PDB file of N, CA and C in Angstrom:
ATOM      1  N   MET A   1      85.359 145.236 196.558  1.00  0.00           N
ATOM      2  CA  MET A   1      85.462 144.040 197.391  1.00  0.00           C
ATOM      3  C   MET A   1      86.611 143.177 196.878  1.00  0.00           C
ATOM      4  N   ALA A   2      87.432 142.679 197.791  1.00  0.00           N
ATOM      5  CA  ALA A   2      88.570 141.844 197.409  1.00  0.00           C
ATOM      6  C   ALA A   2      88.088 140.466 196.979  1.00  0.00           C
ATOM      7  N   SER A   3      88.915 139.776 196.205  1.00  0.00           N
ATOM      8  CA  SER A   3      88.593 138.457 195.691  1.00  0.00           C
ATOM      9  C   SER A   3      89.458 137.424 196.390  1.00  0.00           C
ATOM     10  N   LYS A   4      88.902 136.219 196.603  1.00  0.00           N
ATOM     11  CA  LYS A   4      89.631 135.183 197.316  1.00  0.00           C
ATOM     12  C   LYS A   4      89.823 133.965 196.427  1.00  0.00           C
ATOM     13  N   LEU A   5      91.056 133.451 196.416  1.00  0.00           N
ATOM     14  CA  LEU A   5      91.420 132.266 195.653  1.00  0.00           C
ATOM     15  C   LEU A   5      91.585 131.068 196.572  1.00  0.00           C
ATOM     16  N   TYR A   6      91.159 129.901 196.102  1.00  0.00           N
ATOM     17  CA  TYR A   6      91.487 128.626 196.731  1.00  0.00           C
ATOM     18  C   TYR A   6      92.704 128.097 195.983  1.00  0.00           C
ATOM     19  N   ILE A   7      93.737 127.700 196.700  1.00  0.00           N
ATOM     20  CA  ILE A   7      94.929 127.133 196.068  1.00  0.00           C
ATOM     21  C   ILE A   7      95.168 125.766 196.681  1.00  0.00           C
ATOM     22  N   GLY A   8      95.042 124.732 195.846  1.00  0.00           N
ATOM     23  CA  GLY A   8      95.180 123.356 196.315  1.00  0.00           C
ATOM     24  C   GLY A   8      96.430 122.683 195.790  1.00  0.00           C
ATOM     25  N   ASN A   9      96.753 121.541 196.388  1.00  0.00           N
ATOM     26  CA  ASN A   9      97.926 120.719 196.078  1.00  0.00           C
ATOM     27  C   ASN A   9      99.218 121.427 196.476  1.00  0.00           C
ATOM     28  N   LEU A  10      99.135 122.199 197.562  1.00  0.00           N
ATOM     29  CA  LEU A  10     100.327 122.885 198.069  1.00  0.00           C
ATOM     30  C   LEU A  10     101.269 121.890 198.738  1.00  0.00           C
ATOM     31  N   PRO A  11     102.565 122.094 198.595  1.00  0.00           N
ATOM     32  CA  PRO A  11     103.510 121.287 199.361  1.00  0.00           C
ATOM     33  C   PRO A  11     103.285 121.552 200.856  1.00  0.00           C
ATOM     34  N   HIS A  12     103.458 120.536 201.679  1.00  0.00           N
ATOM     35  CA  HIS A  12     103.208 120.687 203.115  1.00  0.00           C
ATOM     36  C   HIS A  12     104.218 121.600 203.795  1.00  0.00           C
ATOM     37  N   SER A  13     105.306 121.931 203.110  1.00  0.00           N
ATOM     38  CA  SER A  13     106.324 122.803 203.696  1.00  0.00           C
ATOM     39  C   SER A  13     106.053 124.287 203.456  1.00  0.00           C
ATOM     40  N   VAL A  14     105.055 124.626 202.656  1.00  0.00           N
ATOM     41  CA  VAL A  14     104.782 126.020 202.305  1.00  0.00           C
ATOM     42  C   VAL A  14     104.175 126.769 203.499  1.00  0.00           C
ATOM     43  N   THR A  15     104.690 127.966 203.724  1.00  0.00           N
ATOM     44  CA  THR A  15     104.188 128.832 204.793  1.00  0.00           C
ATOM     45  C   THR A  15     103.268 129.898 204.203  1.00  0.00           C
ATOM     46  N   ASP A  16     102.593 130.638 205.073  1.00  0.00           N
ATOM     47  CA  ASP A  16     101.748 131.746 204.628  1.00  0.00           C
ATOM     48  C   ASP A  16     102.576 132.746 203.818  1.00  0.00           C
ATOM     49  N   ALA A  17     103.759 133.075 204.321  1.00  0.00           N
ATOM     50  CA  ALA A  17     104.622 134.051 203.646  1.00  0.00           C
ATOM     51  C   ALA A  17     105.074 133.548 202.280  1.00  0.00           C
ATOM     52  N   ALA A  18     105.422 132.265 202.196  1.00  0.00           N
ATOM     53  CA  ALA A  18     105.875 131.697 200.922  1.00  0.00           C
ATOM     54  C   ALA A  18     104.738 131.688 199.901  1.00  0.00           C
ATOM     55  N   LEU A  19     103.520 131.398 200.347  1.00  0.00           N
ATOM     56  CA  LEU A  19     102.366 131.423 199.452  1.00  0.00           C
ATOM     57  C   LEU A  19     102.108 132.837 198.955  1.00  0.00           C
ATOM     58  N   SER A  20     102.177 133.796 199.854  1.00  0.00           N
ATOM     59  CA  SER A  20     101.996 135.198 199.474  1.00  0.00           C
ATOM     60  C   SER A  20     103.066 135.630 198.468  1.00  0.00           C
ATOM     61  N   ASP A  21     104.311 135.257 198.731  1.00  0.00           N
ATOM     62  CA  ASP A  21     105.411 135.602 197.816  1.00  0.00           C
ATOM     63  C   ASP A  21     105.213 134.973 196.442  1.00  0.00           C
ATOM     64  N   PHE A  22     104.749 133.728 196.403  1.00  0.00           N
ATOM     65  CA  PHE A  22     104.529 133.037 195.135  1.00  0.00           C
ATOM     66  C   PHE A  22     103.512 133.788 194.279  1.00  0.00           C
ATOM     67  N   VAL A  23     102.398 134.179 194.888  1.00  0.00           N
ATOM     68  CA  VAL A  23     101.339 134.884 194.145  1.00  0.00           C
ATOM     69  C   VAL A  23     101.815 136.290 193.759  1.00  0.00           C
ATOM     70  N   THR A  24     102.528 136.949 194.637  1.00  0.00           N
ATOM     71  CA  THR A  24     103.066 138.278 194.339  1.00  0.00           C
ATOM     72  C   THR A  24     104.050 138.210 193.174  1.00  0.00           C
ATOM     73  N   ASN A  25     104.934 137.222 193.188  1.00  0.00           N
ATOM     74  CA  ASN A  25     105.916 137.056 192.108  1.00  0.00           C
ATOM     75  C   ASN A  25     105.265 136.708 190.776  1.00  0.00           C
ATOM     76  N   ALA A  26     104.033 136.185 190.814  1.00  0.00           N
ATOM     77  CA  ALA A  26     103.294 135.894 189.584  1.00  0.00           C
ATOM     78  C   ALA A  26     102.633 137.154 189.026  1.00  0.00           C
ATOM     79  N   GLY A  27     102.749 138.268 189.762  1.00  0.00           N
ATOM     80  CA  GLY A  27     102.241 139.536 189.243  1.00  0.00           C
ATOM     81  C   GLY A  27     100.933 140.015 189.838  1.00  0.00           C
ATOM     82  N   PHE A  28     100.540 139.485 190.985  1.00  0.00           N
ATOM     83  CA  PHE A  28      99.278 139.868 191.608  1.00  0.00           C
ATOM     84  C   PHE A  28      99.540 140.454 192.986  1.00  0.00           C
ATOM     85  N   GLN A  29      98.744 141.460 193.351  1.00  0.00           N
ATOM     86  CA  GLN A  29      98.872 142.064 194.673  1.00  0.00           C
ATOM     87  C   GLN A  29      98.046 141.261 195.674  1.00  0.00           C
ATOM     88  N   VAL A  30      98.662 140.923 196.794  1.00  0.00           N
ATOM     89  CA  VAL A  30      98.038 140.063 197.795  1.00  0.00           C
ATOM     90  C   VAL A  30      97.650 140.880 199.022  1.00  0.00           C
ATOM     91  N   ALA A  31      96.407 140.703 199.480  1.00  0.00           N
ATOM     92  CA  ALA A  31      95.964 141.318 200.727  1.00  0.00           C
ATOM     93  C   ALA A  31      96.267 140.393 201.904  1.00  0.00           C
ATOM     94  N   SER A  32      96.086 139.072 201.706  1.00  0.00           N
ATOM     95  CA  SER A  32      96.398 138.098 202.742  1.00  0.00           C
ATOM     96  C   SER A  32      96.563 136.718 202.118  1.00  0.00           C
ATOM     97  N   ALA A  33      97.319 135.871 202.804  1.00  0.00           N
ATOM     98  CA  ALA A  33      97.520 134.487 202.361  1.00  0.00           C
ATOM     99  C   ALA A  33      97.571 133.603 203.591  1.00  0.00           C
ATOM    100  N   VAL A  34      96.819 132.497 203.551  1.00  0.00           N
ATOM    101  CA  VAL A  34      96.752 131.587 204.690  1.00  0.00           C
ATOM    102  C   VAL A  34      96.833 130.147 204.187  1.00  0.00           C
ATOM    103  N   VAL A  35      97.771 129.383 204.744  1.00  0.00           N
ATOM    104  CA  VAL A  35      97.851 127.948 204.507  1.00  0.00           C
ATOM    105  C   VAL A  35      97.068 127.289 205.640  1.00  0.00           C
ATOM    106  N   ILE A  36      96.156 126.382 205.284  1.00  0.00           N
ATOM    107  CA  ILE A  36      95.303 125.741 206.286  1.00  0.00           C
ATOM    108  C   ILE A  36      96.047 124.576 206.937  1.00  0.00           C
ATOM    109  N   HIS A  37      95.963 124.518 208.278  1.00  0.00           N
ATOM    110  CA  HIS A  37      96.632 123.475 209.054  1.00  0.00           C
ATOM    111  C   HIS A  37      95.613 122.608 209.787  1.00  0.00           C
ATOM    112  N   ASP A  38      95.963 121.356 210.001  1.00  0.00           N
ATOM    113  CA  ASP A  38      95.145 120.431 210.775  1.00  0.00           C
ATOM    114  C   ASP A  38      95.106 120.910 212.224  1.00  0.00           C
ATOM    115  N   LYS A  39      93.924 120.966 212.811  1.00  0.00           N
ATOM    116  CA  LYS A  39      93.789 121.470 214.176  1.00  0.00           C
ATOM    117  C   LYS A  39      94.449 120.553 215.202  1.00  0.00           C
ATOM    118  N   MET A  40      94.458 119.265 214.935  1.00  0.00           N
ATOM    119  CA  MET A  40      95.010 118.311 215.899  1.00  0.00           C
ATOM    120  C   MET A  40      96.533 118.201 215.798  1.00  0.00           C
ATOM    121  N   THR A  41      97.057 118.108 214.586  1.00  0.00           N
ATOM    122  CA  THR A  41      98.493 117.868 214.413  1.00  0.00           C
ATOM    123  C   THR A  41      99.293 119.122 214.114  1.00  0.00           C
ATOM    124  N   GLY A  42      98.626 120.162 213.616  1.00  0.00           N
ATOM    125  CA  GLY A  42      99.324 121.385 213.242  1.00  0.00           C
ATOM    126  C   GLY A  42      99.995 121.308 211.883  1.00  0.00           C
ATOM    127  N   GLN A  43      99.913 120.155 211.220  1.00  0.00           N
ATOM    128  CA  GLN A  43     100.544 119.977 209.905  1.00  0.00           C
ATOM    129  C   GLN A  43      99.691 120.631 208.822  1.00  0.00           C
ATOM    130  N   ALA A  44     100.362 121.222 207.833  1.00  0.00           N
ATOM    131  CA  ALA A  44      99.654 121.833 206.701  1.00  0.00           C
ATOM    132  C   ALA A  44      98.820 120.777 205.992  1.00  0.00           C
ATOM    133  N   ARG A  45      97.618 121.161 205.551  1.00  0.00           N
ATOM    134  CA  ARG A  45      96.693 120.222 204.914  1.00  0.00           C
ATOM    135  C   ARG A  45      96.809 120.200 203.399  1.00  0.00           C
ATOM    136  N   GLY A  46      97.676 121.037 202.835  1.00  0.00           N
ATOM    137  CA  GLY A  46      97.894 120.995 201.395  1.00  0.00           C
ATOM    138  C   GLY A  46      97.043 121.955 200.592  1.00  0.00           C
ATOM    139  N   PHE A  47      96.379 122.883 201.270  1.00  0.00           N
ATOM    140  CA  PHE A  47      95.634 123.909 200.547  1.00  0.00           C
ATOM    141  C   PHE A  47      95.619 125.191 201.367  1.00  0.00           C
ATOM    142  N   GLY A  48      95.258 126.265 200.691  1.00  0.00           N
ATOM    143  CA  GLY A  48      95.199 127.554 201.372  1.00  0.00           C
ATOM    144  C   GLY A  48      94.353 128.530 200.597  1.00  0.00           C
ATOM    145  N   PHE A  49      94.289 129.745 201.117  1.00  0.00           N
ATOM    146  CA  PHE A  49      93.480 130.791 200.510  1.00  0.00           C
ATOM    147  C   PHE A  49      94.305 132.060 200.390  1.00  0.00           C
ATOM    148  N   VAL A  50      94.136 132.744 199.269  1.00  0.00           N
ATOM    149  CA  VAL A  50      94.806 134.019 199.046  1.00  0.00           C
ATOM    150  C   VAL A  50      93.740 135.044 198.708  1.00  0.00           C
ATOM    151  N   GLU A  51      93.738 136.126 199.478  1.00  0.00           N
ATOM    152  CA  GLU A  51      92.835 137.230 199.199  1.00  0.00           C
ATOM    153  C   GLU A  51      93.611 138.252 198.387  1.00  0.00           C
ATOM    154  N   LEU A  52      93.109 138.533 197.198  1.00  0.00           N
ATOM    155  CA  LEU A  52      93.771 139.492 196.317  1.00  0.00           C
ATOM    156  C   LEU A  52      93.423 140.913 196.740  1.00  0.00           C
ATOM    157  N   ALA A  53      94.331 141.823 196.463  1.00  0.00           N
ATOM    158  CA  ALA A  53      94.104 143.230 196.782  1.00  0.00           C
ATOM    159  C   ALA A  53      92.957 143.778 195.946  1.00  0.00           C
ATOM    160  N   GLU A  54      92.377 144.839 196.442  1.00  0.00           N
ATOM    161  CA  GLU A  54      91.275 145.524 195.754  1.00  0.00           C
ATOM    162  C   GLU A  54      91.675 145.846 194.319  1.00  0.00           C
ATOM    163  N   GLY A  55      90.799 145.526 193.382  1.00  0.00           N
ATOM    164  CA  GLY A  55      91.034 145.867 191.987  1.00  0.00           C
ATOM    165  C   GLY A  55      91.706 144.775 191.168  1.00  0.00           C
ATOM    166  N   GLU A  56      92.219 143.734 191.816  1.00  0.00           N
ATOM    167  CA  GLU A  56      92.836 142.635 191.063  1.00  0.00           C
ATOM    168  C   GLU A  56      91.737 141.820 190.379  1.00  0.00           C
ATOM    169  N   ASP A  57      92.021 141.329 189.184  1.00  0.00           N
ATOM    170  CA  ASP A  57      91.071 140.551 188.393  1.00  0.00           C
ATOM    171  C   ASP A  57      91.150 139.080 188.810  1.00  0.00           C
ATOM    172  N   LEU A  58      90.094 138.593 189.427  1.00  0.00           N
ATOM    173  CA  LEU A  58      90.054 137.221 189.933  1.00  0.00           C
ATOM    174  C   LEU A  58      90.251 136.202 188.822  1.00  0.00           C
ATOM    175  N   GLN A  59      89.554 136.358 187.719  1.00  0.00           N
ATOM    176  CA  GLN A  59      89.635 135.384 186.628  1.00  0.00           C
ATOM    177  C   GLN A  59      91.028 135.374 186.001  1.00  0.00           C
ATOM    178  N   ARG A  60      91.648 136.519 185.905  1.00  0.00           N
ATOM    179  CA  ARG A  60      93.015 136.591 185.381  1.00  0.00           C
ATOM    180  C   ARG A  60      93.978 135.876 186.325  1.00  0.00           C
ATOM    181  N   ALA A  61      93.757 136.024 187.628  1.00  0.00           N
ATOM    182  CA  ALA A  61      94.601 135.346 188.614  1.00  0.00           C
ATOM    183  C   ALA A  61      94.422 133.839 188.544  1.00  0.00           C
ATOM    184  N   VAL A  62      93.184 133.374 188.423  1.00  0.00           N
ATOM    185  CA  VAL A  62      92.933 131.934 188.303  1.00  0.00           C
ATOM    186  C   VAL A  62      93.634 131.393 187.061  1.00  0.00           C
ATOM    187  N   ALA A  63      93.452 132.073 185.937  1.00  0.00           N
ATOM    188  CA  ALA A  63      94.065 131.628 184.680  1.00  0.00           C
ATOM    189  C   ALA A  63      95.588 131.655 184.757  1.00  0.00           C
ATOM    190  N   GLY A  64      96.135 132.659 185.436  1.00  0.00           N
ATOM    191  CA  GLY A  64      97.583 132.790 185.508  1.00  0.00           C
ATOM    192  C   GLY A  64      98.257 131.856 186.491  1.00  0.00           C
ATOM    193  N   LEU A  65      97.530 131.425 187.524  1.00  0.00           N
ATOM    194  CA  LEU A  65      98.134 130.596 188.568  1.00  0.00           C
ATOM    195  C   LEU A  65      97.791 129.112 188.462  1.00  0.00           C
ATOM    196  N   ASN A  66      96.618 128.780 187.933  1.00  0.00           N
ATOM    197  CA  ASN A  66      96.212 127.374 187.839  1.00  0.00           C
ATOM    198  C   ASN A  66      97.180 126.602 186.951  1.00  0.00           C
ATOM    199  N   GLY A  67      97.678 125.493 187.456  1.00  0.00           N
ATOM    200  CA  GLY A  67      98.608 124.671 186.696  1.00  0.00           C
ATOM    201  C   GLY A  67     100.065 125.040 186.894  1.00  0.00           C
ATOM    202  N   GLN A  68     100.327 126.154 187.608  1.00  0.00           N
ATOM    203  CA  GLN A  68     101.704 126.535 187.902  1.00  0.00           C
ATOM    204  C   GLN A  68     102.306 125.545 188.901  1.00  0.00           C
ATOM    205  N   SER A  69     103.615 125.497 188.950  1.00  0.00           N
ATOM    206  CA  SER A  69     104.314 124.576 189.833  1.00  0.00           C
ATOM    207  C   SER A  69     104.937 125.327 191.001  1.00  0.00           C
ATOM    208  N   LEU A  70     104.779 124.765 192.199  1.00  0.00           N
ATOM    209  CA  LEU A  70     105.404 125.309 193.403  1.00  0.00           C
ATOM    210  C   LEU A  70     106.077 124.154 194.131  1.00  0.00           C
ATOM    211  N   GLU A  71     107.390 124.225 194.243  1.00  0.00           N
ATOM    212  CA  GLU A  71     108.195 123.170 194.869  1.00  0.00           C
ATOM    213  C   GLU A  71     107.871 121.800 194.269  1.00  0.00           C
ATOM    214  N   GLY A  72     107.730 121.772 192.942  1.00  0.00           N
ATOM    215  CA  GLY A  72     107.518 120.512 192.240  1.00  0.00           C
ATOM    216  C   GLY A  72     106.093 120.001 192.223  1.00  0.00           C
ATOM    217  N   ARG A  73     105.148 120.754 192.763  1.00  0.00           N
ATOM    218  CA  ARG A  73     103.749 120.320 192.778  1.00  0.00           C
ATOM    219  C   ARG A  73     102.924 121.251 191.898  1.00  0.00           C
ATOM    220  N   THR A  74     102.072 120.668 191.059  1.00  0.00           N
ATOM    221  CA  THR A  74     101.202 121.429 190.174  1.00  0.00           C
ATOM    222  C   THR A  74      99.991 121.904 190.964  1.00  0.00           C
ATOM    223  N   LEU A  75      99.792 123.209 191.003  1.00  0.00           N
ATOM    224  CA  LEU A  75      98.734 123.796 191.807  1.00  0.00           C
ATOM    225  C   LEU A  75      97.387 123.783 191.108  1.00  0.00           C
ATOM    226  N   THR A  76      96.347 123.658 191.908  1.00  0.00           N
ATOM    227  CA  THR A  76      94.971 123.804 191.456  1.00  0.00           C
ATOM    228  C   THR A  76      94.460 125.108 192.039  1.00  0.00           C
ATOM    229  N   VAL A  77      94.041 126.027 191.179  1.00  0.00           N
ATOM    230  CA  VAL A  77      93.597 127.339 191.641  1.00  0.00           C
ATOM    231  C   VAL A  77      92.191 127.606 191.114  1.00  0.00           C
ATOM    232  N   ASN A  78      91.297 127.972 192.031  1.00  0.00           N
ATOM    233  CA  ASN A  78      89.915 128.295 191.708  1.00  0.00           C
ATOM    234  C   ASN A  78      89.469 129.482 192.551  1.00  0.00           C
ATOM    235  N   GLU A  79      88.319 130.024 192.183  1.00  0.00           N
ATOM    236  CA  GLU A  79      87.703 131.027 193.040  1.00  0.00           C
ATOM    237  C   GLU A  79      87.250 130.310 194.318  1.00  0.00           C
ATOM    238  N   ALA A  80      87.550 130.887 195.472  1.00  0.00           N
ATOM    239  CA  ALA A  80      87.142 130.284 196.737  1.00  0.00           C
ATOM    240  C   ALA A  80      85.634 130.378 196.882  1.00  0.00           C
ATOM    241  N   ARG A  81      85.050 129.309 197.392  1.00  0.00           N
ATOM    242  CA  ARG A  81      83.610 129.296 197.663  1.00  0.00           C
ATOM    243  C   ARG A  81      83.377 129.724 199.101  1.00  0.00           C
ATOM    244  N   PRO A  82      82.209 130.286 199.388  1.00  0.00           N
ATOM    245  CA  PRO A  82      81.917 130.669 200.775  1.00  0.00           C
ATOM    246  C   PRO A  82      81.944 129.440 201.680  1.00  0.00           C
ATOM    247  N   GLN A  83      82.373 129.627 202.922  1.00  0.00           N
ATOM    248  CA  GLN A  83      82.433 128.532 203.876  1.00  0.00           C
ATOM    249  C   GLN A  83      81.027 128.044 204.175  1.00  0.00           C
ATOM    250  N   ARG A  84      80.893 126.714 204.255  1.00  0.00           N
ATOM    251  CA  ARG A  84      79.592 126.135 204.587  1.00  0.00           C
ATOM    252  C   ARG A  84      79.252 126.456 206.032  1.00  0.00           C
ATOM    253  N   THR A  85      77.992 126.834 206.260  1.00  0.00           N
ATOM    254  CA  THR A  85      77.551 127.119 207.621  1.00  0.00           C
ATOM    255  C   THR A  85      76.861 125.895 208.199  1.00  0.00           C
ATOM    256  N   GLY A  86      76.963 125.729 209.479  1.00  0.00           N
ATOM    257  CA  GLY A  86      76.305 124.615 210.140  1.00  0.00           C
ATOM    258  C   GLY A  86      77.038 123.300 210.029  1.00  0.00           C
ATOM    259  N   TYR A  87      78.220 123.295 209.452  1.00  0.00           N
ATOM    260  CA  TYR A  87      78.977 122.067 209.303  1.00  0.00           C
ATOM    261  C   TYR A  87      79.912 121.929 210.488  1.00  0.00           C
ATOM    262  N   SER A  88      79.764 120.836 211.240  1.00  0.00           N
ATOM    263  CA  SER A  88      80.569 120.666 212.438  1.00  0.00           C
ATOM    264  C   SER A  88      81.896 119.983 212.160  1.00  0.00           C
ATOM    265  N   GLY A  89      82.002 119.328 211.002  1.00  0.00           N
ATOM    266  CA  GLY A  89      83.242 118.642 210.674  1.00  0.00           C
ATOM    267  C   GLY A  89      83.346 117.260 211.283  1.00  0.00           C
ATOM    268  N   GLN A  90      82.347 116.847 212.050  1.00  0.00           N
ATOM    269  CA  GLN A  90      82.370 115.535 212.669  1.00  0.00           C
ATOM    270  C   GLN A  90      81.763 114.513 211.739  1.00  0.00           C
ATOM    271  N   ARG A  91      82.302 113.312 211.810  1.00  0.00           N
ATOM    272  CA  ARG A  91      81.792 112.217 210.984  1.00  0.00           C
ATOM    273  C   ARG A  91      81.312 111.095 211.880  1.00  0.00           C
ATOM    274  N   GLY A  92      80.353 110.324 211.369  1.00  0.00           N
ATOM    275  CA  GLY A  92      79.889 109.159 212.107  1.00  0.00           C
ATOM    276  C   GLY A  92      78.853 109.527 213.142  1.00  0.00           C
ATOM    277  N   GLY A  93      78.252 108.493 213.698  1.00  0.00           N
ATOM    278  CA  GLY A  93      77.165 108.702 214.641  1.00  0.00           C
ATOM    279  C   GLY A  93      77.551 108.468 216.077  1.00  0.00           C
ATOM    280  N   GLY A  94      78.786 108.140 216.344  1.00  0.00           N
ATOM    281  CA  GLY A  94      79.207 107.963 217.719  1.00  0.00           C
ATOM    282  C   GLY A  94      78.647 106.715 218.371  1.00  0.00           C
ATOM    283  N   GLY A  95      78.154 105.759 217.554  1.00  0.00           N
ATOM    284  CA  GLY A  95      77.671 104.500 218.109  1.00  0.00           C
ATOM    285  C   GLY A  95      76.271 104.547 218.681  1.00  0.00           C
ATOM    286  N   ARG A  96      75.530 105.577 218.405  1.00  0.00           N
ATOM    287  CA  ARG A  96      74.163 105.679 218.919  1.00  0.00           C
ATOM    288  C   ARG A  96      73.183 105.729 217.750  1.00  0.00           C
ATOM    289  N   ASP A  97      72.001 105.150 217.984  1.00  0.00           N
ATOM    290  CA  ASP A  97      70.983 105.232 216.942  1.00  0.00           C
ATOM    291  C   ASP A  97      70.249 106.557 217.080  1.00  0.00           C
ATOM    292  N   ARG A  98      69.293 106.804 216.203  1.00  0.00           N
ATOM    293  CA  ARG A  98      68.607 108.102 216.185  1.00  0.00           C
ATOM    294  C   ARG A  98      67.803 108.366 217.467  1.00  0.00           C
ATOM    295  N   SER A  99      67.424 107.330 218.184  1.00  0.00           N
ATOM    296  CA  SER A  99      66.656 107.540 219.416  1.00  0.00           C
ATOM    297  C   SER A  99      67.565 107.862 220.585  1.00  0.00           C
ATOM    298  N   GLY A 100      68.878 107.813 220.403  1.00  0.00           N
ATOM    299  CA  GLY A 100      69.805 108.146 221.465  1.00  0.00           C
ATOM    300  C   GLY A 100      70.326 106.943 222.216  1.00  0.00           C
ATOM    301  N   GLY A 101      69.759 105.754 221.936  1.00  0.00           N
ATOM    302  CA  GLY A 101      70.204 104.543 222.628  1.00  0.00           C
ATOM    303  C   GLY A 101      71.396 103.894 221.949  1.00  0.00           C
ATOM    304  N   ARG A 102      72.052 103.013 222.657  1.00  0.00           N
ATOM    305  CA  ARG A 102      73.204 102.292 222.073  1.00  0.00           C
ATOM    306  C   ARG A 102      72.708 101.261 221.102  1.00  0.00           C
ATOM    307  N   ARG A 103      73.507 101.021 220.078  1.00  0.00           N
ATOM    308  CA  ARG A 103      73.199  99.956 219.123  1.00  0.00           C
ATOM    309  C   ARG A 103      73.550  98.615 219.736  1.00  0.00           C
ATOM    310  N   ASP A 104      72.831  97.562 219.329  1.00  0.00           N
ATOM    311  CA  ASP A 104      73.024  96.235 219.914  1.00  0.00           C
ATOM    312  C   ASP A 104      74.031  95.383 219.141  1.00  0.00           C
ATOM    313  N   TYR A 105      74.749  95.930 218.196  1.00  0.00           N
ATOM    314  CA  TYR A 105      75.681  95.102 217.430  1.00  0.00           C
ATOM    315  C   TYR A 105      77.094  95.447 217.698  1.00  0.00           C
TER     316      TYR A 105
END
């Protein structure tokens, strides 16, 4: 099973290909690399995920990449956690109380 890395503090100009090249140049084989973008604006959100090729050592990759610099930014690299299920990404209550009625304030 392949291993997935979370890479944070990415420069907003980094592309999927540039992220893949960065990890490859550090000595790791990459199966896929994705920079996460805001759904509304399309702008990079400053983090991404890299799936390492079969057989790559996840802990060695974390140790080798965490703290490295990419375009002047110090990267934070960890093992990716599974995506939360049931999370809609919405915040706030939309101005309604729990009974469904409008608030009076």
